[in-house]
Amino acid sequence: MFEQAEREDLESLMHGNTEFRQLYHKHKELDDKVRDAELGVLPMDVVTLHTLKKEKLLAKDKLTYMWEHLHQAPASH
C-alpha cells in the first residue's frame, strides 16, 4: 500500500500523525492475517476471513482518505 508514494512523505506522515501510524500498522497486520489464511498457514473459517477482509478494506479506505488530505501541504495564496 502506498508503494507509489514517496517514502519520505509516508515516513513523515507516520511520524507526525498517531492515528495514521496506528491504522497503517493495523492494515499491515490484517493484510498478513488474510494472506496467511488464504495460504492455509493460519486456519480460519470463511466467515472470519470475510470479516478480516472487510476490516482490511475499511482500514485501506481510511488510510487513503487520510493520505489524500493530510500529506498535502496547504495551498499558498
Protein backbone atom coordinates (compact mmCIF):
# COMPACT_ATOMS: atom_id res chain seq x y z
CA MET A 1 0.00 0.00 0.00
CA PHE A 2 1.27 3.48 -0.90
CA GLU A 3 4.04 1.90 -2.99
CA GLN A 4 3.98 4.82 -5.41
CA ALA A 5 4.13 7.32 -2.56
CA GLU A 6 7.43 8.89 -1.80
CA ARG A 7 8.96 7.07 1.15
CA GLU A 8 9.87 10.32 2.85
CA ASP A 9 6.27 11.60 2.70
CA LEU A 10 4.95 8.36 4.17
CA GLU A 11 7.52 8.32 6.97
CA SER A 12 6.82 11.96 7.77
CA LEU A 13 3.08 11.36 7.97
CA MET A 14 3.53 8.23 10.09
CA HIS A 15 5.83 10.13 12.44
CA GLY A 16 3.56 13.15 12.72
CA ASN A 17 0.14 11.51 12.88
CA THR A 18 -0.50 8.85 15.51
CA GLU A 19 -3.89 7.85 14.08
CA PHE A 20 -2.43 7.30 10.61
CA ARG A 21 0.50 5.30 12.02
CA GLN A 22 -1.77 3.04 14.11
CA LEU A 23 -4.14 2.49 11.21
CA TYR A 24 -1.23 1.75 8.85
CA HIS A 25 0.09 -0.92 11.21
CA LYS A 26 -3.40 -2.37 11.72
CA HIS A 27 -3.84 -2.63 7.94
CA LYS A 28 -0.48 -4.38 7.64
CA GLU A 29 -1.43 -6.82 10.40
CA LEU A 30 -4.79 -7.57 8.74
CA ASP A 31 -3.07 -7.99 5.38
CA ASP A 32 -0.65 -10.53 6.88
CA LYS A 33 -3.50 -12.48 8.52
CA VAL A 34 -5.57 -12.55 5.33
CA ARG A 35 -2.58 -13.71 3.29
CA ASP A 36 -1.72 -16.42 5.82
CA ALA A 37 -5.33 -17.61 5.93
CA GLU A 38 -5.52 -17.76 2.13
CA LEU A 39 -2.26 -19.74 2.03
CA GLY A 40 -3.57 -22.15 4.65
CA VAL A 41 -0.90 -21.22 7.17
CA LEU A 42 -3.45 -19.67 9.54
CA PRO A 43 -6.52 -21.88 9.96
CA MET A 44 -9.64 -19.73 9.69
CA ASP A 45 -13.28 -20.24 8.81
CA VAL A 46 -14.78 -18.47 5.79
CA VAL A 47 -16.87 -16.05 7.86
CA THR A 48 -13.88 -14.88 9.89
CA LEU A 49 -11.78 -14.48 6.75
CA HIS A 50 -14.55 -12.45 5.12
CA THR A 51 -14.76 -10.23 8.21
CA LEU A 52 -10.99 -9.67 8.20
CA LYS A 53 -11.09 -8.73 4.53
CA LYS A 54 -13.83 -6.19 5.22
CA GLU A 55 -11.83 -4.71 8.12
CA LYS A 56 -8.74 -4.54 5.92
CA LEU A 57 -10.65 -2.76 3.15
CA LEU A 58 -12.14 -0.27 5.61
CA ALA A 59 -8.67 0.45 7.02
CA LYS A 60 -7.32 0.93 3.49
CA ASP A 61 -10.14 3.32 2.61
CA LYS A 62 -9.48 5.37 5.77
CA LEU A 63 -5.74 5.42 5.10
CA THR A 64 -6.28 6.53 1.52
CA TYR A 65 -8.59 9.34 2.66
CA MET A 66 -6.11 10.45 5.32
CA TRP A 67 -3.20 10.24 2.88
CA GLU A 68 -5.01 12.39 0.35
CA HIS A 69 -6.00 15.01 2.93
CA LEU A 70 -3.10 15.08 5.37
CA HIS A 71 0.12 14.64 3.44
CA GLN A 72 -0.53 17.53 1.07
CA ALA A 73 0.76 20.91 2.15
CA PRO A 74 -1.89 23.63 2.29
CA ALA A 75 -2.06 25.69 -0.88
CA SER A 76 -0.50 29.12 -0.51
CA HIS A 77 -2.35 32.17 -1.70
